[in-house]
Amino acid sequence: MKKTLFLLLALPLGMVAQEKQKKNIKTQFTVHGNCEKCKKRIEKAALSIKGVKWADWDIPSNQISLIYNTQKVDLKTIHMGIAAQGHNTTEAKAKEEDYDELPKCCQYERKE
């Protein structure tokens, strides 16, 4: 009887722990850029968005790796925040005026 009662009480606690683990998601996508200045700008843009826990942009591959809280931010918002700094992503294109404000070394080849 005690074992059954313990299992019934422990089961919901285990479900709560699983729910907490699922709110932080790791993802990766392309962000266009060229150099260390781009790296700092892209990572800063991502980390300035509430809910983004960790960001690392790799220069050679143009891939950003993120950990973010799905209960605080969605992926589209992250893409838009990075694009607002002049860097195209796989889901959002930077405005021409934002791209033009980038330093010359950071102006990557834009494909239409």
Protein backbone atom coordinates (compact mmCIF):
# COMPACT_ATOMS: atom_id res chain seq x y z
CA MET A 1 0.00 0.00 0.00
CA LYS A 2 2.78 2.41 0.92
CA LYS A 3 4.64 1.61 -2.31
CA THR A 4 1.54 2.30 -4.40
CA LEU A 5 0.93 5.60 -2.63
CA PHE A 6 4.58 6.59 -3.11
CA LEU A 7 4.40 5.81 -6.84
CA LEU A 8 1.21 7.82 -7.25
CA LEU A 9 2.82 10.81 -5.56
CA ALA A 10 6.16 10.49 -7.37
CA LEU A 11 4.66 10.20 -10.86
CA PRO A 12 3.33 13.79 -11.06
CA LEU A 13 6.62 15.12 -9.68
CA GLY A 14 8.50 13.31 -12.43
CA MET A 15 6.18 14.84 -15.03
CA VAL A 16 6.82 18.34 -13.67
CA ALA A 17 10.59 17.77 -13.90
CA GLN A 18 10.24 16.70 -17.54
CA GLU A 19 8.20 19.82 -18.36
CA LYS A 20 10.89 22.07 -16.88
CA GLN A 21 13.57 20.37 -18.97
CA LYS A 22 11.65 20.91 -22.22
CA LYS A 23 11.37 24.69 -21.90
CA ASN A 24 15.07 25.23 -22.70
CA ILE A 25 15.77 24.27 -26.30
CA LYS A 26 19.08 24.10 -28.14
CA THR A 27 18.98 25.07 -31.81
CA GLN A 28 21.28 26.06 -34.63
CA PHE A 29 20.76 28.10 -37.81
CA THR A 30 22.65 30.20 -40.37
CA VAL A 31 23.40 33.89 -39.79
CA HIS A 32 25.40 35.67 -42.48
CA GLY A 33 28.50 37.62 -41.47
CA ASN A 34 32.27 37.75 -41.96
CA CYS A 35 34.45 38.58 -38.99
CA GLU A 36 35.00 38.97 -35.23
CA LYS A 37 33.00 42.22 -35.23
CA CYS A 38 30.10 40.30 -36.75
CA LYS A 39 30.49 37.57 -34.11
CA LYS A 40 30.25 40.09 -31.27
CA ARG A 41 27.28 41.90 -32.85
CA ILE A 42 25.35 38.71 -33.65
CA GLU A 43 25.90 37.14 -30.23
CA LYS A 44 25.06 40.41 -28.46
CA ALA A 45 21.85 40.75 -30.49
CA ALA A 46 20.79 37.21 -29.60
CA LEU A 47 21.67 37.52 -25.93
CA SER A 48 19.84 40.84 -25.61
CA ILE A 49 16.55 39.03 -26.30
CA LYS A 50 14.80 37.98 -23.10
CA GLY A 51 14.78 34.20 -22.93
CA VAL A 52 18.02 33.55 -24.83
CA LYS A 53 20.36 31.82 -22.39
CA TRP A 54 23.45 31.16 -24.53
CA ALA A 55 24.65 32.10 -28.02
CA ASP A 56 27.77 31.20 -29.99
CA TRP A 57 28.26 32.17 -33.65
CA ASP A 58 30.90 30.28 -35.65
CA ILE A 59 32.65 32.43 -38.28
CA PRO A 60 33.66 29.80 -40.88
CA SER A 61 30.32 27.99 -40.94
CA ASN A 62 28.10 31.06 -40.27
CA GLN A 63 26.13 28.90 -37.81
CA ILE A 64 24.77 30.22 -34.55
CA SER A 65 24.08 27.81 -31.72
CA LEU A 66 21.54 28.94 -29.15
CA ILE A 67 19.87 27.81 -25.98
CA TYR A 68 16.62 29.63 -25.35
CA ASN A 69 13.55 29.37 -23.13
CA THR A 70 10.48 28.57 -25.23
CA GLN A 71 8.22 29.97 -22.51
CA LYS A 72 9.83 33.43 -22.84
CA VAL A 73 10.66 33.76 -26.55
CA ASP A 74 9.95 32.10 -29.86
CA LEU A 75 12.49 31.37 -32.57
CA LYS A 76 11.00 33.90 -35.00
CA THR A 77 11.64 36.72 -32.50
CA ILE A 78 15.28 35.67 -32.24
CA HIS A 79 15.66 35.68 -36.03
CA MET A 80 14.07 39.14 -36.24
CA GLY A 81 16.31 40.51 -33.46
CA ILE A 82 19.45 39.38 -35.25
CA ALA A 83 18.21 40.66 -38.63
CA ALA A 84 17.55 44.07 -37.06
CA GLN A 85 21.33 44.33 -36.54
CA GLY A 86 21.98 43.91 -40.28
CA HIS A 87 22.58 40.16 -40.51
CA ASN A 88 20.38 37.87 -42.62
CA THR A 89 19.28 34.60 -41.05
CA THR A 90 17.59 31.58 -42.56
CA GLU A 91 14.20 32.99 -41.51
CA ALA A 92 14.63 36.79 -41.59
CA LYS A 93 16.23 39.22 -44.01
CA ALA A 94 17.91 42.36 -42.69
CA LYS A 95 16.55 45.69 -43.93
CA GLU A 96 18.74 47.40 -46.50
CA GLU A 97 19.36 50.39 -44.21
CA ASP A 98 20.46 48.10 -41.34
CA TYR A 99 22.83 46.22 -43.66
CA ASP A 100 24.26 49.50 -45.02
CA GLU A 101 25.13 50.63 -41.48
CA LEU A 102 27.44 47.64 -40.97
CA PRO A 103 31.19 48.35 -41.16
CA LYS A 104 32.66 47.53 -44.57
CA CYS A 105 34.42 44.42 -43.22
CA CYS A 106 31.05 43.11 -42.02
CA GLN A 107 29.14 43.60 -45.27
CA TYR A 108 28.75 40.03 -46.43
CA GLU A 109 27.60 39.05 -49.92
CA ARG A 110 23.81 39.31 -49.98
CA LYS A 111 21.99 36.83 -52.17
CA GLU A 112 18.56 37.76 -53.44
